[in-house]
Amino acid sequence: MALAGVIAANPHTRDVHFDWIEPARQISIRVDQDRARRLGMTSAQVASVLNTAITGTTVSQMRDDIYLIPIVARADERDRISIERLATLQVPASGGRTVALGQFASFAYDQEQPLLWRRDRVPTLTVLADTAPGISPEAVVEQLADGIAAFDAGLDPGYEVIVAGTVAESAESQSSVFAVIPVMLFLMVTLLMIQLRDFRDVALVMILLPLGLIGVVAALMLFVCPLGFVAILGILALNGMIAKNAVILITQISEERATGMPVRDAVIKAASNRFRPLLLNALSTVLGLMPIAPTLFWGPMAFATMGGLLVATLLTLVFLLTVYTMLHRDPVAGRPPDDV
């Protein structure tokens, strides 16, 4: 309860609740084994009779169209919950006789925990809470870190507080994704070198990739979305889209230069020819992501991808072309060209 008070004190938490409830009442039946053996009964026979009376036993099936509905026989509800009625329950004994259950068994009301949760085979009590709209669980956990640490320090040995739920799952997912990012970058640079065959062009594409974060940050701030794991997935996918657009544009410029056209004219012509396809590609992607943008889970990814792609498309048509013109200047008279 004290931990729930620490969490509820944060203004960004809602509906603090627990995964445990009050102990439930149960009827405990203790069989006198000596009397049961003298009557010629075993514990298995007694359990079978009790199971039939309380839980019920399937005695037949009824067909309803293509479905088979079991027919269950069990005692009346009033007989199942009353100790007096259970004491008169007749149990078959040897010799074809029946003996009342109360003759060799005693009854008592007990209490038990209806459900005991375990995490890594350790009994666990969980305090859960929702976050206020627009606030990420990671931000709330960070705000509660000091209070939870102080509470954890005052616990007896053998007890500890562990952060779980969406925050722990997000951290685990991020670590698995970040572990393969170096491999992804290596493969990306390798494929860019195979396609472009120029260190300057490869460097230009790699420099362009982080500029898409301008649109990502603007979109997430505008629509009040957290920069969580799902948004990071959108950023990773965005990098591939930006690199693809840059490679298409650089390849078009190289084809125009191969015909003998000056760099400036080749850049202008390539931009004119590729402006509409690149813009339509960005708009079609944005329109495709709009249906999932209002959703709670996929919304950050959609907004990150849409904002980053729109800004990156404009930067590809402005920044990339400008820097490309500076890097690939036409040779001055008496000076060899850059790519010789």
C-alpha atoms as a PDB file:
ATOM      1  CA  MET A   1       0.000   0.000   0.000  1.00  0.00           C
ATOM      2  CA  ALA A   2       2.898   2.361   0.730  1.00  0.00           C
ATOM      3  CA  LEU A   3       4.289   1.831  -2.770  1.00  0.00           C
ATOM      4  CA  ALA A   4       0.858   2.570  -4.237  1.00  0.00           C
ATOM      5  CA  GLY A   5       0.883   5.837  -2.312  1.00  0.00           C
ATOM      6  CA  VAL A   6       4.274   6.767  -3.806  1.00  0.00           C
ATOM      7  CA  ILE A   7       2.963   6.125  -7.315  1.00  0.00           C
ATOM      8  CA  ALA A   8      -0.381   7.845  -6.735  1.00  0.00           C
ATOM      9  CA  ALA A   9       1.408  10.966  -5.466  1.00  0.00           C
ATOM     10  CA  ASN A  10       2.722  11.633  -8.965  1.00  0.00           C
ATOM     11  CA  PRO A  11       0.320  13.935 -10.857  1.00  0.00           C
ATOM     12  CA  HIS A  12       0.852  12.015 -14.094  1.00  0.00           C
ATOM     13  CA  THR A  13      -0.446   8.644 -12.842  1.00  0.00           C
ATOM     14  CA  ARG A  14      -4.051   7.473 -13.058  1.00  0.00           C
ATOM     15  CA  ASP A  15      -6.078   4.540 -11.694  1.00  0.00           C
ATOM     16  CA  VAL A  16      -3.506   2.971  -9.370  1.00  0.00           C
ATOM     17  CA  HIS A  17      -4.557  -0.626  -8.638  1.00  0.00           C
ATOM     18  CA  PHE A  18      -3.168  -3.998  -7.548  1.00  0.00           C
ATOM     19  CA  ASP A  19      -3.143  -7.551  -8.874  1.00  0.00           C
ATOM     20  CA  TRP A  20      -4.085  -9.114  -5.537  1.00  0.00           C
ATOM     21  CA  ILE A  21      -7.436  -9.170  -3.702  1.00  0.00           C
ATOM     22  CA  GLU A  22      -8.789 -10.170  -0.303  1.00  0.00           C
ATOM     23  CA  PRO A  23      -8.491 -13.860   0.653  1.00  0.00           C
ATOM     24  CA  ALA A  24     -11.428 -15.982  -0.453  1.00  0.00           C
ATOM     25  CA  ARG A  25     -13.447 -18.272   1.808  1.00  0.00           C
ATOM     26  CA  GLN A  26     -13.360 -21.993   1.161  1.00  0.00           C
ATOM     27  CA  ILE A  27     -14.723 -25.169   2.723  1.00  0.00           C
ATOM     28  CA  SER A  28     -11.968 -27.481   3.926  1.00  0.00           C
ATOM     29  CA  ILE A  29     -12.871 -31.210   4.094  1.00  0.00           C
ATOM     30  CA  ARG A  30     -10.591 -33.379   6.232  1.00  0.00           C
ATOM     31  CA  VAL A  31     -11.073 -37.111   5.765  1.00  0.00           C
ATOM     32  CA  ASP A  32     -10.371 -39.434   8.699  1.00  0.00           C
ATOM     33  CA  GLN A  33      -8.306 -42.059   6.882  1.00  0.00           C
ATOM     34  CA  ASP A  34      -8.744 -44.717   9.594  1.00  0.00           C
ATOM     35  CA  ARG A  35     -12.558 -44.558   9.461  1.00  0.00           C
ATOM     36  CA  ALA A  36     -12.524 -44.440   5.652  1.00  0.00           C
ATOM     37  CA  ARG A  37     -10.411 -47.600   5.442  1.00  0.00           C
ATOM     38  CA  ARG A  38     -12.666 -49.413   7.916  1.00  0.00           C
ATOM     39  CA  LEU A  39     -15.596 -48.571   5.663  1.00  0.00           C
ATOM     40  CA  GLY A  40     -13.691 -49.898   2.648  1.00  0.00           C
ATOM     41  CA  MET A  41     -13.225 -46.509   0.947  1.00  0.00           C
ATOM     42  CA  THR A  42     -10.153 -44.809  -0.485  1.00  0.00           C
ATOM     43  CA  SER A  43      -9.314 -41.135  -0.832  1.00  0.00           C
ATOM     44  CA  ALA A  44      -9.710 -41.455  -4.615  1.00  0.00           C
ATOM     45  CA  GLN A  45     -13.303 -42.672  -4.209  1.00  0.00           C
ATOM     46  CA  VAL A  46     -14.146 -39.826  -1.856  1.00  0.00           C
ATOM     47  CA  ALA A  47     -12.564 -37.300  -4.222  1.00  0.00           C
ATOM     48  CA  SER A  48     -14.544 -38.720  -7.159  1.00  0.00           C
ATOM     49  CA  VAL A  49     -17.847 -38.398  -5.287  1.00  0.00           C
ATOM     50  CA  LEU A  50     -17.054 -34.832  -4.172  1.00  0.00           C
ATOM     51  CA  ASN A  51     -15.976 -33.883  -7.683  1.00  0.00           C
ATOM     52  CA  THR A  52     -19.247 -35.218  -9.074  1.00  0.00           C
ATOM     53  CA  ALA A  53     -21.343 -33.402  -6.481  1.00  0.00           C
ATOM     54  CA  ILE A  54     -19.518 -30.053  -6.500  1.00  0.00           C
ATOM     55  CA  THR A  55     -17.832 -29.670  -9.884  1.00  0.00           C
ATOM     56  CA  GLY A  56     -19.910 -32.094 -11.882  1.00  0.00           C
ATOM     57  CA  THR A  57     -19.208 -35.032 -14.172  1.00  0.00           C
ATOM     58  CA  THR A  58     -19.977 -35.283 -17.876  1.00  0.00           C
ATOM     59  CA  VAL A  59     -22.465 -38.116 -18.310  1.00  0.00           C
ATOM     60  CA  SER A  60     -23.390 -37.642 -21.959  1.00  0.00           C
ATOM     61  CA  GLN A  61     -23.361 -35.218 -24.899  1.00  0.00           C
ATOM     62  CA  MET A  62     -26.071 -33.520 -26.912  1.00  0.00           C
ATOM     63  CA  ARG A  63     -25.612 -32.493 -30.531  1.00  0.00           C
ATOM     64  CA  ASP A  64     -26.697 -29.007 -31.592  1.00  0.00           C
ATOM     65  CA  ASP A  65     -26.100 -28.655 -35.317  1.00  0.00           C
ATOM     66  CA  ILE A  66     -22.320 -29.172 -35.648  1.00  0.00           C
ATOM     67  CA  TYR A  67     -21.630 -28.636 -31.928  1.00  0.00           C
ATOM     68  CA  LEU A  68     -21.462 -31.211 -29.129  1.00  0.00           C
ATOM     69  CA  ILE A  69     -22.781 -29.868 -25.833  1.00  0.00           C
ATOM     70  CA  PRO A  70     -21.715 -31.820 -22.723  1.00  0.00           C
ATOM     71  CA  ILE A  71     -24.390 -32.887 -20.233  1.00  0.00           C
ATOM     72  CA  VAL A  72     -22.999 -32.406 -16.726  1.00  0.00           C
ATOM     73  CA  ALA A  73     -24.501 -33.991 -13.607  1.00  0.00           C
ATOM     74  CA  ARG A  74     -23.829 -32.349 -10.254  1.00  0.00           C
ATOM     75  CA  ALA A  75     -25.562 -31.537  -7.001  1.00  0.00           C
ATOM     76  CA  ASP A  76     -27.928 -28.624  -6.572  1.00  0.00           C
ATOM     77  CA  GLU A  77     -26.292 -25.295  -5.753  1.00  0.00           C
ATOM     78  CA  ARG A  78     -27.758 -25.273  -2.242  1.00  0.00           C
ATOM     79  CA  ASP A  79     -26.215 -28.672  -1.558  1.00  0.00           C
ATOM     80  CA  ARG A  80     -22.782 -27.574  -2.761  1.00  0.00           C
ATOM     81  CA  ILE A  81     -22.271 -24.603  -0.481  1.00  0.00           C
ATOM     82  CA  SER A  82     -23.814 -25.801   2.769  1.00  0.00           C
ATOM     83  CA  ILE A  83     -21.731 -27.818   5.233  1.00  0.00           C
ATOM     84  CA  GLU A  84     -24.896 -29.434   6.607  1.00  0.00           C
ATOM     85  CA  ARG A  85     -25.896 -30.653   3.151  1.00  0.00           C
ATOM     86  CA  LEU A  86     -22.366 -31.869   2.343  1.00  0.00           C
ATOM     87  CA  ALA A  87     -22.270 -33.806   5.633  1.00  0.00           C
ATOM     88  CA  THR A  88     -25.280 -35.862   4.489  1.00  0.00           C
ATOM     89  CA  LEU A  89     -23.770 -36.579   1.048  1.00  0.00           C
ATOM     90  CA  GLN A  90     -23.960 -40.343   0.514  1.00  0.00           C
ATOM     91  CA  VAL A  91     -20.656 -41.993  -0.446  1.00  0.00           C
ATOM     92  CA  PRO A  92     -20.672 -45.594  -1.810  1.00  0.00           C
ATOM     93  CA  ALA A  93     -18.901 -48.048   0.516  1.00  0.00           C
ATOM     94  CA  SER A  94     -18.019 -51.725   0.247  1.00  0.00           C
ATOM     95  CA  GLY A  95     -20.834 -54.250   0.191  1.00  0.00           C
ATOM     96  CA  GLY A  96     -23.161 -51.982  -1.772  1.00  0.00           C
ATOM     97  CA  ARG A  97     -23.755 -49.681   1.177  1.00  0.00           C
ATOM     98  CA  THR A  98     -23.707 -45.888   1.269  1.00  0.00           C
ATOM     99  CA  VAL A  99     -22.319 -43.844   4.138  1.00  0.00           C
ATOM    100  CA  ALA A 100     -22.864 -40.170   4.883  1.00  0.00           C
ATOM    101  CA  LEU A 101     -19.738 -38.101   4.309  1.00  0.00           C
ATOM    102  CA  GLY A 102     -20.044 -36.608   7.783  1.00  0.00           C
ATOM    103  CA  GLN A 103     -19.453 -40.056   9.360  1.00  0.00           C
ATOM    104  CA  PHE A 104     -15.742 -40.055   8.422  1.00  0.00           C
ATOM    105  CA  ALA A 105     -14.947 -36.442   7.462  1.00  0.00           C
ATOM    106  CA  SER A 106     -14.947 -33.068   9.208  1.00  0.00           C
ATOM    107  CA  PHE A 107     -15.708 -29.675   7.684  1.00  0.00           C
ATOM    108  CA  ALA A 108     -14.419 -26.190   8.393  1.00  0.00           C
ATOM    109  CA  TYR A 109     -14.367 -22.760   6.745  1.00  0.00           C
ATOM    110  CA  ASP A 110     -10.870 -21.573   5.753  1.00  0.00           C
ATOM    111  CA  GLN A 111      -9.373 -18.705   3.791  1.00  0.00           C
ATOM    112  CA  GLU A 112      -7.008 -18.837   0.840  1.00  0.00           C
ATOM    113  CA  GLN A 113      -5.413 -16.502  -1.674  1.00  0.00           C
ATOM    114  CA  PRO A 114      -7.512 -16.921  -4.811  1.00  0.00           C
ATOM    115  CA  LEU A 115      -4.543 -16.277  -7.150  1.00  0.00           C
ATOM    116  CA  LEU A 116      -0.816 -16.030  -6.463  1.00  0.00           C
ATOM    117  CA  TRP A 117       1.249 -14.373  -9.210  1.00  0.00           C
ATOM    118  CA  ARG A 118       4.869 -15.340  -9.750  1.00  0.00           C
ATOM    119  CA  ARG A 119       7.651 -13.721 -11.754  1.00  0.00           C
ATOM    120  CA  ASP A 120      10.699 -15.911 -12.389  1.00  0.00           C
ATOM    121  CA  ARG A 121       9.135 -18.369  -9.899  1.00  0.00           C
ATOM    122  CA  VAL A 122       9.177 -15.734  -7.147  1.00  0.00           C
ATOM    123  CA  PRO A 123       5.852 -14.700  -5.513  1.00  0.00           C
ATOM    124  CA  THR A 124       5.088 -11.189  -6.703  1.00  0.00           C
ATOM    125  CA  LEU A 125       2.697  -8.398  -5.750  1.00  0.00           C
ATOM    126  CA  THR A 126       2.248  -5.869  -8.543  1.00  0.00           C
ATOM    127  CA  VAL A 127       1.175  -2.247  -8.348  1.00  0.00           C
ATOM    128  CA  LEU A 128      -0.180  -0.988 -11.678  1.00  0.00           C
ATOM    129  CA  ALA A 129      -1.104   2.475 -12.910  1.00  0.00           C
ATOM    130  CA  ASP A 130      -2.059   4.260 -16.108  1.00  0.00           C
ATOM    131  CA  THR A 131      -0.365   7.435 -17.303  1.00  0.00           C
ATOM    132  CA  ALA A 132      -1.987  10.752 -18.115  1.00  0.00           C
ATOM    133  CA  PRO A 133      -2.652  11.485 -21.805  1.00  0.00           C
ATOM    134  CA  GLY A 134       0.446  12.694 -23.615  1.00  0.00           C
ATOM    135  CA  ILE A 135       2.859  11.420 -20.936  1.00  0.00           C
ATOM    136  CA  SER A 136       5.078   8.438 -21.750  1.00  0.00           C
ATOM    137  CA  PRO A 137       5.510   5.625 -19.188  1.00  0.00           C
ATOM    138  CA  GLU A 138       9.296   6.120 -19.361  1.00  0.00           C
ATOM    139  CA  ALA A 139       8.942   9.746 -18.241  1.00  0.00           C
ATOM    140  CA  VAL A 140       6.705   8.784 -15.306  1.00  0.00           C
ATOM    141  CA  VAL A 141       9.081   6.015 -14.188  1.00  0.00           C
ATOM    142  CA  GLU A 142      11.974   8.478 -14.297  1.00  0.00           C
ATOM    143  CA  GLN A 143      10.021  10.915 -12.119  1.00  0.00           C
ATOM    144  CA  LEU A 144       9.215   8.151  -9.619  1.00  0.00           C
ATOM    145  CA  ALA A 145      12.777   6.801  -9.501  1.00  0.00           C
ATOM    146  CA  ASP A 146      13.821   8.661  -6.318  1.00  0.00           C
ATOM    147  CA  GLY A 147      10.661   7.817  -4.379  1.00  0.00           C
ATOM    148  CA  ILE A 148      10.776   4.150  -5.377  1.00  0.00           C
ATOM    149  CA  ALA A 149      14.487   3.934  -4.504  1.00  0.00           C
ATOM    150  CA  ALA A 150      13.791   5.336  -1.036  1.00  0.00           C
ATOM    151  CA  PHE A 151      10.917   2.880  -0.542  1.00  0.00           C
ATOM    152  CA  ASP A 152      13.064  -0.030  -1.759  1.00  0.00           C
ATOM    153  CA  ALA A 153      15.842   0.869   0.680  1.00  0.00           C
ATOM    154  CA  GLY A 154      13.432   0.483   3.624  1.00  0.00           C
ATOM    155  CA  LEU A 155      12.245  -3.025   2.707  1.00  0.00           C
ATOM    156  CA  ASP A 156      13.241  -6.114   4.665  1.00  0.00           C
ATOM    157  CA  PRO A 157      15.893  -8.456   3.226  1.00  0.00           C
ATOM    158  CA  GLY A 158      14.459 -10.652   0.494  1.00  0.00           C
ATOM    159  CA  TYR A 159      12.067  -8.001  -0.796  1.00  0.00           C
ATOM    160  CA  GLU A 160      12.755  -5.604  -3.647  1.00  0.00           C
ATOM    161  CA  VAL A 161      10.974  -3.345  -6.110  1.00  0.00           C
ATOM    162  CA  ILE A 162      11.437  -4.090  -9.817  1.00  0.00           C
ATOM    163  CA  VAL A 163      10.172  -1.942 -12.675  1.00  0.00           C
ATOM    164  CA  ALA A 164       8.275  -4.047 -15.209  1.00  0.00           C
ATOM    165  CA  GLY A 165       5.449  -3.597 -17.705  1.00  0.00           C
ATOM    166  CA  THR A 166       5.739  -1.548 -20.864  1.00  0.00           C
ATOM    167  CA  VAL A 167       8.836   0.315 -19.631  1.00  0.00           C
ATOM    168  CA  ALA A 168      10.873  -2.864 -19.108  1.00  0.00           C
ATOM    169  CA  GLU A 169       9.610  -4.403 -22.348  1.00  0.00           C
ATOM    170  CA  SER A 170      10.470  -1.216 -24.263  1.00  0.00           C
ATOM    171  CA  ALA A 171      13.984  -1.143 -22.797  1.00  0.00           C
ATOM    172  CA  GLU A 172      14.526  -4.777 -23.714  1.00  0.00           C
ATOM    173  CA  SER A 173      13.265  -4.216 -27.253  1.00  0.00           C
ATOM    174  CA  GLN A 174      15.442  -1.128 -27.685  1.00  0.00           C
ATOM    175  CA  SER A 175      18.560  -2.979 -26.562  1.00  0.00           C
ATOM    176  CA  SER A 176      17.920  -5.765 -29.084  1.00  0.00           C
ATOM    177  CA  VAL A 177      17.375  -3.238 -31.894  1.00  0.00           C
ATOM    178  CA  PHE A 178      20.374  -1.058 -31.004  1.00  0.00           C
ATOM    179  CA  ALA A 179      22.587  -4.159 -30.968  1.00  0.00           C
ATOM    180  CA  VAL A 180      22.144  -4.636 -34.743  1.00  0.00           C
ATOM    181  CA  ILE A 181      22.378  -0.959 -35.733  1.00  0.00           C
ATOM    182  CA  PRO A 182      26.174  -1.158 -36.406  1.00  0.00           C
ATOM    183  CA  VAL A 183      25.572  -4.082 -38.760  1.00  0.00           C
ATOM    184  CA  MET A 184      22.768  -2.143 -40.446  1.00  0.00           C
ATOM    185  CA  LEU A 185      25.020   0.897 -40.983  1.00  0.00           C
ATOM    186  CA  PHE A 186      27.815  -1.260 -42.356  1.00  0.00           C
ATOM    187  CA  LEU A 187      25.509  -2.939 -44.854  1.00  0.00           C
ATOM    188  CA  MET A 188      23.994   0.414 -45.817  1.00  0.00           C
ATOM    189  CA  VAL A 189      27.383   2.003 -46.508  1.00  0.00           C
ATOM    190  CA  THR A 190      28.482  -1.084 -48.449  1.00  0.00           C
ATOM    191  CA  LEU A 191      25.401  -1.015 -50.676  1.00  0.00           C
ATOM    192  CA  LEU A 192      25.772   2.742 -51.205  1.00  0.00           C
ATOM    193  CA  MET A 193      29.374   2.266 -52.309  1.00  0.00           C
ATOM    194  CA  ILE A 194      28.354  -0.451 -54.735  1.00  0.00           C
ATOM    195  CA  GLN A 195      25.618   1.766 -56.181  1.00  0.00           C
ATOM    196  CA  LEU A 196      27.300   5.204 -56.193  1.00  0.00           C
ATOM    197  CA  ARG A 197      31.010   4.273 -56.465  1.00  0.00           C
ATOM    198  CA  ASP A 198      32.072   7.622 -55.037  1.00  0.00           C
ATOM    199  CA  PHE A 199      33.091   8.389 -51.463  1.00  0.00           C
ATOM    200  CA  ARG A 200      31.833  11.946 -51.773  1.00  0.00           C
ATOM    201  CA  ASP A 201      28.355  10.836 -52.828  1.00  0.00           C
ATOM    202  CA  VAL A 202      28.216   8.194 -50.085  1.00  0.00           C
ATOM    203  CA  ALA A 203      29.250  10.786 -47.497  1.00  0.00           C
ATOM    204  CA  LEU A 204      26.611  13.171 -48.853  1.00  0.00           C
ATOM    205  CA  VAL A 205      23.875  10.553 -48.395  1.00  0.00           C
ATOM    206  CA  MET A 206      25.041   9.703 -44.852  1.00  0.00           C
ATOM    207  CA  ILE A 207      25.101  13.391 -43.902  1.00  0.00           C
ATOM    208  CA  LEU A 208      21.563  13.796 -45.212  1.00  0.00           C
ATOM    209  CA  LEU A 209      20.138  10.998 -43.007  1.00  0.00           C
ATOM    210  CA  PRO A 210      20.283  12.828 -39.618  1.00  0.00           C
ATOM    211  CA  LEU A 211      18.621  15.898 -41.126  1.00  0.00           C
ATOM    212  CA  GLY A 212      15.354  13.979 -41.193  1.00  0.00           C
ATOM    213  CA  LEU A 213      15.305  14.255 -37.388  1.00  0.00           C
ATOM    214  CA  ILE A 214      14.287  17.896 -37.819  1.00  0.00           C
ATOM    215  CA  GLY A 215      10.907  16.800 -39.126  1.00  0.00           C
ATOM    216  CA  VAL A 216      10.678  13.950 -36.603  1.00  0.00           C
ATOM    217  CA  VAL A 217      11.141  16.233 -33.604  1.00  0.00           C
ATOM    218  CA  ALA A 218       8.793  18.867 -35.015  1.00  0.00           C
ATOM    219  CA  ALA A 219       6.023  16.320 -35.689  1.00  0.00           C
ATOM    220  CA  LEU A 220       6.323  14.649 -32.275  1.00  0.00           C
ATOM    221  CA  MET A 221       6.261  18.000 -30.469  1.00  0.00           C
ATOM    222  CA  LEU A 222       3.363  19.296 -32.564  1.00  0.00           C
ATOM    223  CA  PHE A 223       1.171  16.261 -31.899  1.00  0.00           C
ATOM    224  CA  VAL A 224       2.458  15.676 -28.330  1.00  0.00           C
ATOM    225  CA  CYS A 225       3.770  12.150 -28.941  1.00  0.00           C
ATOM    226  CA  PRO A 226       6.510  10.500 -26.853  1.00  0.00           C
ATOM    227  CA  LEU A 227       9.842   9.531 -28.380  1.00  0.00           C
ATOM    228  CA  GLY A 228       9.589   5.881 -27.379  1.00  0.00           C
ATOM    229  CA  PHE A 229      10.495   2.560 -28.902  1.00  0.00           C
ATOM    230  CA  VAL A 230       7.770   2.678 -31.547  1.00  0.00           C
ATOM    231  CA  ALA A 231       8.885   6.146 -32.677  1.00  0.00           C
ATOM    232  CA  ILE A 232      12.473   4.879 -32.915  1.00  0.00           C
ATOM    233  CA  LEU A 233      11.270   2.130 -35.250  1.00  0.00           C
ATOM    234  CA  GLY A 234       9.745   4.840 -37.432  1.00  0.00           C
ATOM    235  CA  ILE A 235      13.070   6.736 -37.468  1.00  0.00           C
ATOM    236  CA  LEU A 236      14.955   3.608 -38.564  1.00  0.00           C
ATOM    237  CA  ALA A 237      12.488   3.030 -41.393  1.00  0.00           C
ATOM    238  CA  LEU A 238      12.732   6.725 -42.303  1.00  0.00           C
ATOM    239  CA  ASN A 239      16.489   6.453 -42.850  1.00  0.00           C
ATOM    240  CA  GLY A 240      15.932   3.871 -45.552  1.00  0.00           C
ATOM    241  CA  MET A 241      13.417   6.107 -47.338  1.00  0.00           C
ATOM    242  CA  ILE A 242      15.755   9.114 -47.201  1.00  0.00           C
ATOM    243  CA  ALA A 243      18.702   7.097 -48.532  1.00  0.00           C
ATOM    244  CA  LYS A 244      16.565   5.711 -51.354  1.00  0.00           C
ATOM    245  CA  ASN A 245      15.448   9.190 -52.490  1.00  0.00           C
ATOM    246  CA  ALA A 246      19.021  10.508 -52.312  1.00  0.00           C
ATOM    247  CA  VAL A 247      20.404   7.599 -54.346  1.00  0.00           C
ATOM    248  CA  ILE A 248      17.697   8.043 -56.994  1.00  0.00           C
ATOM    249  CA  LEU A 249      18.498  11.724 -57.351  1.00  0.00           C
ATOM    250  CA  ILE A 250      22.284  11.273 -57.419  1.00  0.00           C
ATOM    251  CA  THR A 251      21.974   8.475 -59.968  1.00  0.00           C
ATOM    252  CA  GLN A 252      19.820  10.685 -62.183  1.00  0.00           C
ATOM    253  CA  ILE A 253      22.407  13.471 -61.990  1.00  0.00           C
ATOM    254  CA  SER A 254      25.209  11.040 -62.900  1.00  0.00           C
ATOM    255  CA  GLU A 255      23.251   9.853 -65.941  1.00  0.00           C
ATOM    256  CA  GLU A 256      22.747  13.432 -67.103  1.00  0.00           C
ATOM    257  CA  ARG A 257      26.459  14.217 -66.636  1.00  0.00           C
ATOM    258  CA  ALA A 258      27.385  11.101 -68.595  1.00  0.00           C
ATOM    259  CA  THR A 259      25.843  12.735 -71.695  1.00  0.00           C
ATOM    260  CA  GLY A 260      28.340  15.613 -71.380  1.00  0.00           C
ATOM    261  CA  MET A 261      26.040  18.047 -69.597  1.00  0.00           C
ATOM    262  CA  PRO A 262      27.662  20.481 -67.091  1.00  0.00           C
ATOM    263  CA  VAL A 263      27.164  19.775 -63.404  1.00  0.00           C
ATOM    264  CA  ARG A 264      24.863  22.735 -62.792  1.00  0.00           C
ATOM    265  CA  ASP A 265      22.651  21.926 -65.764  1.00  0.00           C
ATOM    266  CA  ALA A 266      22.614  18.217 -64.841  1.00  0.00           C
ATOM    267  CA  VAL A 267      21.524  19.050 -61.296  1.00  0.00           C
ATOM    268  CA  ILE A 268      18.740  21.341 -62.494  1.00  0.00           C
ATOM    269  CA  LYS A 269      17.457  18.825 -65.028  1.00  0.00           C
ATOM    270  CA  ALA A 270      17.583  15.909 -62.581  1.00  0.00           C
ATOM    271  CA  ALA A 271      15.737  17.964 -59.962  1.00  0.00           C
ATOM    272  CA  SER A 272      13.068  18.915 -62.511  1.00  0.00           C
ATOM    273  CA  ASN A 273      12.594  15.310 -63.649  1.00  0.00           C
ATOM    274  CA  ARG A 274      12.572  13.784 -60.144  1.00  0.00           C
ATOM    275  CA  PHE A 275      10.682  16.490 -58.248  1.00  0.00           C
ATOM    276  CA  ARG A 276       7.214  15.115 -58.968  1.00  0.00           C
ATOM    277  CA  PRO A 277       8.026  11.399 -58.335  1.00  0.00           C
ATOM    278  CA  LEU A 278       9.801  12.180 -55.049  1.00  0.00           C
ATOM    279  CA  LEU A 279       7.017  14.471 -53.865  1.00  0.00           C
ATOM    280  CA  LEU A 280       4.273  12.011 -54.834  1.00  0.00           C
ATOM    281  CA  ASN A 281       6.166   9.198 -53.124  1.00  0.00           C
ATOM    282  CA  ALA A 282       6.369  11.223 -49.897  1.00  0.00           C
ATOM    283  CA  LEU A 283       2.707  12.233 -50.044  1.00  0.00           C
ATOM    284  CA  SER A 284       1.532   8.678 -50.746  1.00  0.00           C
ATOM    285  CA  THR A 285       3.527   7.422 -47.751  1.00  0.00           C
ATOM    286  CA  VAL A 286       2.050  10.136 -45.534  1.00  0.00           C
ATOM    287  CA  LEU A 287      -1.493   9.331 -46.679  1.00  0.00           C
ATOM    288  CA  GLY A 288      -0.874   5.629 -46.074  1.00  0.00           C
ATOM    289  CA  LEU A 289       0.226   6.285 -42.494  1.00  0.00           C
ATOM    290  CA  MET A 290      -2.655   8.601 -41.627  1.00  0.00           C
ATOM    291  CA  PRO A 291      -5.106   5.813 -40.654  1.00  0.00           C
ATOM    292  CA  ILE A 292      -2.785   4.589 -37.861  1.00  0.00           C
ATOM    293  CA  ALA A 293      -1.646   8.049 -36.753  1.00  0.00           C
ATOM    294  CA  PRO A 294      -4.524   8.566 -34.247  1.00  0.00           C
ATOM    295  CA  THR A 295      -3.909   5.187 -32.580  1.00  0.00           C
ATOM    296  CA  LEU A 296      -2.239   5.124 -29.192  1.00  0.00           C
ATOM    297  CA  PHE A 297       0.385   2.489 -29.963  1.00  0.00           C
ATOM    298  CA  TRP A 298       1.384   3.168 -33.603  1.00  0.00           C
ATOM    299  CA  GLY A 299       0.754   6.927 -33.536  1.00  0.00           C
ATOM    300  CA  PRO A 300       4.315   8.003 -32.568  1.00  0.00           C
ATOM    301  CA  MET A 301       5.811   5.883 -35.356  1.00  0.00           C
ATOM    302  CA  ALA A 302       3.402   7.306 -37.916  1.00  0.00           C
ATOM    303  CA  PHE A 303       3.992  10.933 -36.928  1.00  0.00           C
ATOM    304  CA  ALA A 304       7.777  10.437 -36.778  1.00  0.00           C
ATOM    305  CA  THR A 305       7.826   8.909 -40.255  1.00  0.00           C
ATOM    306  CA  MET A 306       5.463  11.452 -41.788  1.00  0.00           C
ATOM    307  CA  GLY A 307       7.193  14.530 -40.363  1.00  0.00           C
ATOM    308  CA  GLY A 308      10.690  13.245 -41.080  1.00  0.00           C
ATOM    309  CA  LEU A 309       9.868  12.181 -44.637  1.00  0.00           C
ATOM    310  CA  LEU A 310       8.280  15.498 -45.623  1.00  0.00           C
ATOM    311  CA  VAL A 311      11.194  17.542 -44.276  1.00  0.00           C
ATOM    312  CA  ALA A 312      13.798  15.135 -45.656  1.00  0.00           C
ATOM    313  CA  THR A 313      12.219  15.261 -49.125  1.00  0.00           C
ATOM    314  CA  LEU A 314      12.523  19.049 -49.200  1.00  0.00           C
ATOM    315  CA  LEU A 315      16.096  18.864 -47.884  1.00  0.00           C
ATOM    316  CA  THR A 316      16.953  16.272 -50.528  1.00  0.00           C
ATOM    317  CA  LEU A 317      15.821  18.674 -53.262  1.00  0.00           C
ATOM    318  CA  VAL A 318      17.625  21.673 -51.718  1.00  0.00           C
ATOM    319  CA  PHE A 319      20.495  20.660 -49.439  1.00  0.00           C
ATOM    320  CA  LEU A 320      21.645  17.613 -51.397  1.00  0.00           C
ATOM    321  CA  LEU A 321      21.627  19.402 -54.764  1.00  0.00           C
ATOM    322  CA  THR A 322      23.467  22.406 -53.379  1.00  0.00           C
ATOM    323  CA  VAL A 323      26.204  20.362 -51.728  1.00  0.00           C
ATOM    324  CA  TYR A 324      26.471  18.082 -54.772  1.00  0.00           C
ATOM    325  CA  THR A 325      27.086  21.104 -57.002  1.00  0.00           C
ATOM    326  CA  MET A 326      29.853  22.281 -54.656  1.00  0.00           C
ATOM    327  CA  LEU A 327      31.516  18.867 -54.497  1.00  0.00           C
ATOM    328  CA  HIS A 328      31.355  18.191 -58.255  1.00  0.00           C
ATOM    329  CA  ARG A 329      32.322  21.499 -59.775  1.00  0.00           C
ATOM    330  CA  ASP A 330      33.003  21.659 -63.472  1.00  0.00           C
ATOM    331  CA  PRO A 331      36.768  21.651 -64.156  1.00  0.00           C
ATOM    332  CA  VAL A 332      38.411  24.978 -64.856  1.00  0.00           C
ATOM    333  CA  ALA A 333      40.261  25.353 -68.146  1.00  0.00           C
ATOM    334  CA  GLY A 334      43.614  23.591 -67.942  1.00  0.00           C
ATOM    335  CA  ARG A 335      42.551  21.618 -64.816  1.00  0.00           C
ATOM    336  CA  PRO A 336      41.529  17.934 -64.926  1.00  0.00           C
ATOM    337  CA  PRO A 337      37.951  17.059 -63.902  1.00  0.00           C
ATOM    338  CA  ASP A 338      37.219  15.869 -60.361  1.00  0.00           C
ATOM    339  CA  ASP A 339      36.350  12.311 -61.262  1.00  0.00           C
ATOM    340  CA  VAL A 340      39.546  11.568 -63.250  1.00  0.00           C
END
